[in-house]
Each structure stands twice: as C-alpha cells, then as structure tokens.
C-alpha cells in the first residue's frame, strides 16, 4: 500500500510540476504578446488606414493571447492586468488620433462655412474685376482645404458656395453681354 501511495503521489507531483512548467511557458508567451502590443501601441500612425491595420493586428494579438489557454488563477489575473494596461495604451493613442482628426475636419468644415458666407456677401457686387479676383481666390482657398469627414454638411455648404459663384458669374456674363450688345449697337449707329 505504501509503495502504491508513493507511486501515486510521485505521479501527482510530476503532473503538477508539468502543469507548473506549462503554466510558466504559457505565462512567458502571454507576457511576450503583451509586450508586443505595448511596443506596437507606441508606433506613430498618421492615417485612418494605418490605424485600421493596427487595430486588426491588435485584435489578432489579443485572440492569440486568449488561445494560449488558461493558467493558474493568480498568474492569470496578473497577466490579464498587464494585457489590459497595454491595450488601454493602444486604445488611448487611437482615441487621440481620431479626436485630433475629427477636430481637424471640424476646422475644415468651419473654414468652408466662412468661405461660403464671404462668397454669399459679394455675389451681387457689381465691381466685376475686384469681385471676380476675390471669388477666384476663395475658390482656390476652398480647393486647398481638401475633403472633410462631414460629407453631408460639406456638400450642403458646397452647393451654396457653388450657387453663389454661379450667380456672380452669370450676372457678370449678362452685364458683359449687355455691354457687348451696346458696343455693337453703337458701332452699327456709327457706321
């Protein structure tokens, strides 16, 4: 009985030593992934596409971390806490980028509004050369702003801006055609 008990205890101890060794290896793998996420979080990204790729890679790493498997409860809590901290850093950086990006696009939208308002004010002006130069410079300014994420609002502003520009140029064209007609009539009368 004593020999059988020793054999059972030895097998039990060997099993738990094996489990401890496996847990240690799993913990090392989990910590390696956590460090990889942390390093990955600190890389600079300057576009939405890069952040999308980074987010996908981060999700892959999290899934890889989870697939490693269960380890002892106390070690798992510590490993999970480290993982959450590295993920929080990643998500914080991502949030900073998107907040900054959103503000940039709000600024562009606001600049578009100002350009549109300025154009609305001068669309009926009859000092043709000065106003034409001003409107052309406003059009160039608009073009240099680029696109904005707020497409609906931007499209509405664009329509108003375009109508104001068209109104001015149509009025100028009508005035020019009247002048040309007058000149033509004067020329006919002179002949």
Protein backbone atom coordinates (compact mmCIF):
# COMPACT_ATOMS: atom_id res chain seq x y z
CA UNK A 1 0.00 0.00 0.00
CA UNK A 2 2.81 2.37 0.94
CA UNK A 3 4.63 1.75 -2.37
CA UNK A 4 1.43 2.32 -4.35
CA UNK A 5 0.76 5.52 -2.39
CA UNK A 6 4.32 6.75 -3.11
CA UNK A 7 3.87 6.00 -6.80
CA UNK A 8 0.54 7.84 -6.87
CA UNK A 9 1.99 10.84 -5.01
CA UNK A 10 5.01 10.84 -7.34
CA UNK A 11 2.72 10.78 -10.40
CA UNK A 12 0.58 13.51 -8.83
CA UNK A 13 3.65 15.64 -8.07
CA UNK A 14 5.05 15.03 -11.55
CA UNK A 15 1.70 16.08 -13.03
CA UNK A 16 1.62 19.30 -11.00
CA UNK A 17 5.27 20.02 -11.86
CA UNK A 18 4.38 19.53 -15.52
CA UNK A 19 1.34 21.83 -15.16
CA UNK A 20 3.53 24.44 -13.43
CA UNK A 21 6.09 24.20 -16.23
CA UNK A 22 3.34 24.54 -18.88
CA UNK A 23 1.81 27.48 -16.98
CA UNK A 24 5.22 29.14 -16.84
CA UNK A 25 5.66 28.69 -20.60
CA UNK A 26 2.13 29.99 -21.25
CA UNK A 27 2.79 32.97 -18.99
CA UNK A 28 6.00 33.74 -20.87
CA UNK A 29 4.10 33.59 -24.19
CA UNK A 30 1.30 35.80 -22.82
CA UNK A 31 3.79 38.35 -21.46
CA UNK A 32 5.62 38.35 -24.80
CA UNK A 33 2.36 39.17 -26.61
CA UNK A 34 1.58 41.87 -24.03
CA UNK A 35 4.99 43.47 -24.64
CA UNK A 36 4.44 43.22 -28.38
CA UNK A 37 1.14 45.12 -28.01
CA UNK A 38 2.82 47.71 -25.82
CA UNK A 39 5.61 48.29 -28.36
CA UNK A 40 3.06 48.25 -31.16
CA UNK A 41 0.98 50.86 -29.30
CA UNK A 42 3.80 53.39 -29.27
CA UNK A 43 4.33 53.40 -33.05
CA UNK A 44 3.26 56.60 -34.77
CA UNK A 45 0.44 56.32 -37.29
CA UNK A 46 -0.85 59.25 -39.30
CA UNK A 47 -3.76 57.87 -41.29
CA UNK A 48 -7.06 56.11 -40.82
CA UNK A 49 -5.89 53.15 -42.94
CA UNK A 50 -2.83 52.63 -40.76
CA UNK A 51 -4.96 52.73 -37.63
CA UNK A 52 -7.38 50.22 -39.14
CA UNK A 53 -4.48 47.88 -39.88
CA UNK A 54 -3.11 48.43 -36.38
CA UNK A 55 -6.50 47.72 -34.83
CA UNK A 56 -6.80 44.46 -36.79
CA UNK A 57 -3.29 43.41 -35.76
CA UNK A 58 -4.06 44.27 -32.14
CA UNK A 59 -7.23 42.14 -32.26
CA UNK A 60 -5.21 39.27 -33.74
CA UNK A 61 -2.70 39.55 -30.90
CA UNK A 62 -5.48 39.56 -28.30
CA UNK A 63 -7.01 36.43 -29.87
CA UNK A 64 -3.57 34.81 -29.95
CA UNK A 65 -3.16 35.70 -26.25
CA UNK A 66 -6.51 34.11 -25.42
CA UNK A 67 -5.75 30.96 -27.44
CA UNK A 68 -2.65 30.28 -25.37
CA UNK A 69 -5.01 28.95 -22.75
CA UNK A 70 -5.73 29.05 -19.09
CA UNK A 71 -3.06 29.42 -16.43
CA UNK A 72 -3.37 29.48 -12.66
CA UNK A 73 -5.84 31.99 -11.32
CA UNK A 74 -3.36 34.28 -9.57
CA UNK A 75 -0.97 34.37 -12.52
CA UNK A 76 -3.85 34.84 -14.96
CA UNK A 77 -5.08 37.90 -13.04
CA UNK A 78 -1.63 39.48 -13.23
CA UNK A 79 -1.21 38.56 -16.91
CA UNK A 80 -4.68 39.90 -17.75
CA UNK A 81 -3.99 43.12 -15.86
CA UNK A 82 -0.79 43.67 -17.87
CA UNK A 83 -2.67 42.88 -21.07
CA UNK A 84 -5.42 45.40 -20.23
CA UNK A 85 -2.83 48.06 -19.45
CA UNK A 86 -1.10 47.59 -22.80
CA UNK A 87 -4.46 47.57 -24.61
CA UNK A 88 -5.51 50.73 -22.77
CA UNK A 89 -2.36 52.46 -24.00
CA UNK A 90 -3.13 51.34 -27.55
CA UNK A 91 -6.76 52.50 -27.36
CA UNK A 92 -5.73 55.79 -25.76
CA UNK A 93 -3.35 56.51 -28.65
CA UNK A 94 -6.03 55.55 -31.16
CA UNK A 95 -8.54 57.82 -29.44
CA UNK A 96 -6.03 60.71 -29.52
CA UNK A 97 -5.55 60.26 -33.25
CA UNK A 98 -9.28 60.14 -34.04
CA UNK A 99 -10.07 63.08 -31.73
CA UNK A 100 -7.38 65.15 -33.42
CA UNK A 101 -8.60 64.03 -36.85
CA UNK A 102 -12.21 64.88 -36.02
CA UNK A 103 -11.19 68.36 -34.82
CA UNK A 104 -9.16 68.92 -37.99
CA UNK A 105 -12.19 68.06 -40.11
CA UNK A 106 -14.43 70.29 -37.99
CA UNK A 107 -11.97 73.12 -38.63
CA UNK A 108 -12.08 72.44 -42.38
CA UNK A 109 -15.88 72.49 -42.27
CA UNK A 110 -15.83 75.79 -40.39
CA UNK A 111 -13.42 77.29 -42.94
CA UNK A 112 -15.73 76.11 -45.72
CA UNK A 113 -18.65 77.86 -44.00
CA UNK A 114 -16.68 81.11 -43.75
CA UNK A 115 -15.68 80.96 -47.42
CA UNK A 116 -19.29 80.31 -48.38
CA UNK A 117 -20.56 83.19 -46.24
CA UNK A 118 -17.96 85.53 -47.72
CA UNK A 119 -18.97 84.48 -51.23
CA UNK A 120 -22.66 84.94 -50.39
CA UNK A 121 -21.93 88.50 -49.29
CA UNK A 122 -20.18 89.51 -52.51
CA UNK A 123 -22.14 87.51 -55.09
CA UNK A 124 -24.25 90.53 -56.13
CA UNK A 125 -21.37 93.02 -56.14
CA UNK A 126 -21.02 94.92 -59.43
CA UNK A 127 -17.35 95.86 -59.25
CA UNK A 128 -16.65 92.97 -61.57
CA UNK A 129 -12.87 92.78 -61.69
CA UNK A 130 -12.28 93.10 -57.94
CA UNK A 131 -15.10 90.71 -57.07
CA UNK A 132 -14.00 88.21 -59.71
CA UNK A 133 -10.47 88.15 -58.28
CA UNK A 134 -11.87 87.74 -54.80
CA UNK A 135 -14.19 84.87 -55.81
CA UNK A 136 -11.42 83.09 -57.71
CA UNK A 137 -9.14 83.38 -54.68
CA UNK A 138 -11.97 81.98 -52.49
CA UNK A 139 -12.37 79.08 -54.93
CA UNK A 140 -8.64 78.35 -54.70
CA UNK A 141 -8.84 78.56 -50.94
CA UNK A 142 -11.75 76.09 -50.94
CA UNK A 143 -9.82 73.70 -53.15
CA UNK A 144 -6.76 73.84 -50.88
CA UNK A 145 -8.82 72.84 -47.83
CA UNK A 146 -9.31 69.28 -49.02
CA UNK A 147 -12.11 66.94 -48.02
CA UNK A 148 -13.87 66.57 -44.70
CA UNK A 149 -15.45 63.63 -42.90
CA UNK A 150 -18.69 65.56 -42.53
CA UNK A 151 -19.78 64.95 -46.11
CA UNK A 152 -23.45 65.84 -45.71
CA UNK A 153 -22.76 69.26 -44.20
CA UNK A 154 -19.85 69.86 -46.55
CA UNK A 155 -21.98 69.03 -49.59
CA UNK A 156 -24.68 71.48 -48.45
CA UNK A 157 -22.09 74.21 -47.97
CA UNK A 158 -20.55 73.33 -51.35
CA UNK A 159 -23.93 73.66 -53.08
CA UNK A 160 -24.47 77.10 -51.52
CA UNK A 161 -20.92 78.15 -52.41
CA UNK A 162 -21.30 76.94 -55.99
CA UNK A 163 -24.67 78.73 -56.36
CA UNK A 164 -23.14 81.97 -55.09
CA UNK A 165 -20.21 81.68 -57.52
CA UNK A 166 -22.53 80.82 -60.39
CA UNK A 167 -24.81 83.74 -59.51
CA UNK A 168 -21.89 86.16 -59.69
CA UNK A 169 -20.51 84.78 -62.95
CA UNK A 170 -23.96 84.67 -64.57
CA UNK A 171 -24.58 88.30 -63.56
CA UNK A 172 -21.17 89.25 -64.93
CA UNK A 173 -21.90 87.38 -68.15
CA UNK A 174 -25.27 89.16 -68.52
CA UNK A 175 -23.60 92.51 -67.86
CA UNK A 176 -20.81 91.73 -70.35
CA UNK A 177 -23.31 90.65 -72.99
CA UNK A 178 -25.27 93.90 -72.44
CA UNK A 179 -22.07 95.91 -72.84
CA UNK A 180 -21.11 93.94 -75.95
CA UNK A 181 -24.59 94.47 -77.34
CA UNK A 182 -24.36 98.19 -76.56
CA UNK A 183 -20.94 98.42 -78.19
CA UNK A 184 -22.25 96.53 -81.20
CA UNK A 185 -25.25 98.87 -81.46
CA UNK A 186 -23.02 101.91 -81.11
CA UNK A 187 -20.78 100.55 -83.82
CA UNK A 188 -23.80 99.99 -86.07
CA UNK A 189 -25.03 103.51 -85.44
CA UNK A 190 -21.62 104.92 -86.23
CA UNK A 191 -21.49 103.01 -89.48
